[in-house]
Amino acid sequence: MVIPALIADKKAECCPECGAPLVIRSSRRGPFLGCSRYPECEFVRPLKANADGHIVKELSGQLCPHCQGTLVLRQGRYGMFIGCSNYPACDHTEVIDRPDETALTCPQCGKGKLLQRKSRFGKVFHACERYPECQFALNHKPVAGTCPTCHYPLLFEKKTAQGVKRFCASKACGKPVTAEVDTNE
């Protein structure tokens, strides 16, 4: 969930080179301020130079449910998040991008659920919530079903040239599953 108000602000600073508003952009090294007229104007500035400590922007009109203080957008070690402006007195935080929880049970341990996670490079994968005890991971979207060949209790969807297809999630099998077979056994 990306909040559009975080990207463009009506009261934003103006670019010193062309006068267009500056917007928050992100790269592999983190967020920064850049000119909204890119690529015509290539002005960029680090976000922290504009911030008060690690506060990026005040979210006016949104109040903290704990202390009724104003919520602010912050830049932390692991990316951007929403927190209370009264920190450290109030430690309320909210995640901007919540991982998708699936109702699928981990096929390896049978105890944990599969969660959507992001690697340090931003690639999405699904893994067992019991990590590090269970190290099951899948690079594609998991789908409930059973493989008709090896009877493995999980399938995954993969985009191919012929469209989206389902495959067995077992590394030993990995065979495609046809649409005629009932996958919800």
Protein backbone atom coordinates (compact mmCIF):
# COMPACT_ATOMS: atom_id res chain seq x y z
CA MET A 1 0.00 0.00 0.00
CA VAL A 2 1.71 3.19 -1.17
CA ILE A 3 0.07 6.40 -0.03
CA PRO A 4 -0.08 8.81 -3.02
CA ALA A 5 0.18 11.84 -0.73
CA LEU A 6 3.68 10.70 0.24
CA ILE A 7 4.96 10.92 -3.32
CA ALA A 8 3.66 14.32 -4.37
CA ASP A 9 2.91 17.18 -1.99
CA LYS A 10 1.14 20.44 -2.88
CA LYS A 11 3.45 22.37 -0.54
CA ALA A 12 6.59 20.66 -1.86
CA GLU A 13 9.83 22.50 -2.32
CA CYS A 14 10.71 23.75 -5.75
CA CYS A 15 13.64 22.59 -7.82
CA PRO A 16 16.42 25.21 -7.66
CA GLU A 17 17.30 24.57 -11.32
CA CYS A 18 13.91 24.68 -13.09
CA GLY A 19 11.28 25.62 -10.46
CA ALA A 20 9.23 22.39 -10.75
CA PRO A 21 8.15 20.66 -7.50
CA LEU A 22 10.49 18.11 -5.91
CA VAL A 23 9.07 14.62 -5.31
CA ILE A 24 10.21 11.67 -3.23
CA ARG A 25 11.69 8.95 -5.44
CA SER A 26 13.39 5.71 -4.55
CA SER A 27 16.37 3.83 -5.88
CA ARG A 28 18.29 0.77 -4.81
CA ARG A 29 20.17 2.98 -2.33
CA GLY A 30 16.97 4.32 -0.76
CA PRO A 31 14.64 7.30 -1.13
CA PHE A 32 15.77 10.72 -2.36
CA LEU A 33 14.29 14.01 -3.55
CA GLY A 34 14.24 14.49 -7.30
CA CYS A 35 12.78 16.95 -9.78
CA SER A 36 9.30 16.07 -11.07
CA ARG A 37 10.39 17.08 -14.60
CA TYR A 38 12.94 14.24 -14.87
CA PRO A 39 14.53 13.48 -17.43
CA GLU A 40 14.47 17.11 -18.69
CA CYS A 41 15.83 18.25 -15.30
CA GLU A 42 18.15 15.86 -13.44
CA PHE A 43 18.31 17.64 -10.06
CA VAL A 44 18.51 15.25 -7.08
CA ARG A 45 19.15 15.77 -3.39
CA PRO A 46 19.50 13.36 -0.48
CA LEU A 47 16.31 13.05 1.53
CA LYS A 48 18.04 13.25 4.90
CA ALA A 49 19.31 16.77 4.22
CA ASN A 50 15.66 17.92 4.17
CA ALA A 51 14.56 15.79 7.13
CA ASP A 52 14.58 16.53 10.82
CA GLY A 53 16.69 13.57 11.99
CA HIS A 54 15.02 10.73 10.13
CA ILE A 55 11.54 12.29 9.83
CA VAL A 56 10.64 12.61 6.15
CA LYS A 57 7.20 14.22 6.28
CA GLU A 58 4.45 15.07 8.75
CA LEU A 59 1.12 13.40 7.95
CA SER A 60 -1.29 16.15 8.96
CA GLY A 61 -4.77 15.02 9.93
CA GLN A 62 -3.63 11.56 11.00
CA LEU A 63 -3.38 11.02 14.75
CA CYS A 64 -1.58 8.37 16.77
CA PRO A 65 -4.11 5.91 18.30
CA HIS A 66 -2.03 5.70 21.52
CA CYS A 67 -1.22 9.32 22.45
CA GLN A 68 -3.14 11.42 19.85
CA GLY A 69 0.13 12.89 18.56
CA THR A 70 0.64 13.58 14.86
CA LEU A 71 1.85 10.67 12.72
CA VAL A 72 4.99 11.20 10.63
CA LEU A 73 6.64 9.36 7.77
CA ARG A 74 10.08 8.16 8.84
CA GLN A 75 13.08 6.68 7.06
CA GLY A 76 14.54 3.80 9.03
CA ARG A 77 17.21 1.20 8.56
CA TYR A 78 14.80 -1.13 6.75
CA GLY A 79 12.91 1.44 4.68
CA MET A 80 10.09 3.89 5.20
CA PHE A 81 7.44 3.50 7.90
CA ILE A 82 4.84 5.57 9.74
CA GLY A 83 5.50 6.44 13.38
CA CYS A 84 4.39 8.80 16.14
CA SER A 85 5.96 12.27 16.31
CA ASN A 86 6.25 11.88 20.11
CA TYR A 87 8.92 9.19 19.84
CA PRO A 88 10.57 8.01 22.20
CA ALA A 89 7.71 8.77 24.65
CA CYS A 90 5.30 6.94 22.31
CA ASP A 91 6.65 4.03 20.27
CA HIS A 92 3.64 3.46 17.96
CA THR A 93 4.63 2.42 14.42
CA GLU A 94 2.76 1.25 11.31
CA VAL A 95 4.12 -0.64 8.34
CA ILE A 96 3.48 0.89 4.92
CA ASP A 97 3.85 -2.37 2.96
CA ARG A 98 2.37 -5.27 4.92
CA PRO A 99 3.38 -8.73 3.73
CA ASP A 100 0.56 -10.80 2.27
CA GLU A 101 -0.33 -13.68 4.52
CA THR A 102 -1.48 -16.84 2.84
CA ALA A 103 -3.69 -19.44 4.47
CA LEU A 104 -1.39 -22.14 3.09
CA THR A 105 0.47 -24.41 5.47
CA CYS A 106 4.18 -24.95 4.91
CA PRO A 107 4.61 -28.28 3.11
CA GLN A 108 8.04 -28.89 4.63
CA CYS A 109 7.32 -28.58 8.37
CA GLY A 110 3.51 -28.76 8.33
CA LYS A 111 3.28 -26.29 11.25
CA GLY A 112 3.91 -22.78 9.91
CA LYS A 113 2.07 -20.65 7.37
CA LEU A 114 3.61 -19.24 4.19
CA LEU A 115 4.28 -15.48 4.25
CA GLN A 116 5.19 -13.10 1.45
CA ARG A 117 8.63 -11.60 2.06
CA LYS A 118 11.06 -9.35 0.23
CA SER A 119 14.74 -10.02 -0.24
CA ARG A 120 17.27 -7.29 0.44
CA PHE A 121 17.19 -6.57 -3.31
CA GLY A 122 13.39 -6.10 -3.36
CA LYS A 123 12.47 -9.43 -4.98
CA VAL A 124 9.27 -11.01 -3.62
CA PHE A 125 9.31 -14.61 -2.39
CA HIS A 126 7.23 -16.79 -0.05
CA ALA A 127 8.71 -18.50 3.01
CA CYS A 128 7.65 -20.31 6.15
CA GLU A 129 6.88 -18.11 9.15
CA ARG A 130 8.90 -20.48 11.37
CA TYR A 131 12.25 -19.41 9.84
CA PRO A 132 15.04 -20.29 10.88
CA GLU A 133 13.67 -23.62 12.19
CA CYS A 134 12.04 -24.26 8.81
CA GLN A 135 13.88 -22.92 5.78
CA PHE A 136 11.25 -23.56 3.10
CA ALA A 137 11.21 -20.80 0.46
CA LEU A 138 9.50 -20.43 -2.91
CA ASN A 139 10.25 -17.79 -5.55
CA HIS A 140 6.78 -17.96 -7.14
CA LYS A 141 3.22 -17.47 -5.89
CA PRO A 142 2.09 -20.58 -3.96
CA VAL A 143 -1.29 -22.11 -4.78
CA ALA A 144 -3.26 -24.69 -2.80
CA GLY A 145 -3.36 -28.07 -4.50
CA THR A 146 -1.71 -31.45 -4.76
CA CYS A 147 0.63 -32.67 -7.48
CA PRO A 148 -0.97 -35.62 -9.33
CA THR A 149 2.46 -37.15 -10.01
CA CYS A 150 4.25 -37.07 -6.63
CA HIS A 151 1.34 -36.00 -4.34
CA TYR A 152 3.31 -33.00 -2.95
CA PRO A 153 0.79 -30.78 -1.07
CA LEU A 154 1.66 -27.46 -2.76
CA LEU A 155 1.71 -25.97 -6.26
CA PHE A 156 2.99 -22.64 -7.57
CA GLU A 157 1.97 -20.34 -10.42
CA LYS A 158 4.51 -19.20 -12.97
CA LYS A 159 4.09 -16.89 -15.96
CA THR A 160 5.24 -18.57 -19.15
CA ALA A 161 5.06 -17.68 -22.83
CA GLN A 162 1.81 -19.68 -23.05
CA GLY A 163 0.29 -17.84 -20.07
CA VAL A 164 0.11 -18.57 -16.35
CA LYS A 165 0.75 -22.23 -15.56
CA ARG A 166 0.84 -24.26 -12.36
CA PHE A 167 3.77 -26.44 -11.35
CA CYS A 168 4.56 -28.81 -8.49
CA ALA A 169 6.41 -26.95 -5.70
CA SER A 170 8.63 -29.97 -4.94
CA LYS A 171 12.19 -29.39 -6.14
CA ALA A 172 12.46 -33.10 -6.89
CA CYS A 173 9.36 -33.11 -9.13
CA GLY A 174 8.61 -29.62 -10.54
CA LYS A 175 6.30 -30.99 -13.24
CA PRO A 176 3.54 -28.85 -14.76
CA VAL A 177 0.00 -29.53 -13.56
CA THR A 178 -2.72 -29.54 -16.20
CA ALA A 179 -5.91 -27.51 -15.76
CA GLU A 180 -8.15 -30.60 -16.13
CA VAL A 181 -6.81 -32.10 -12.90
CA ASP A 182 -8.67 -31.01 -9.74
CA THR A 183 -5.94 -29.21 -7.77
CA ASN A 184 -7.98 -28.81 -4.56
CA GLU A 185 -7.93 -32.40 -3.32
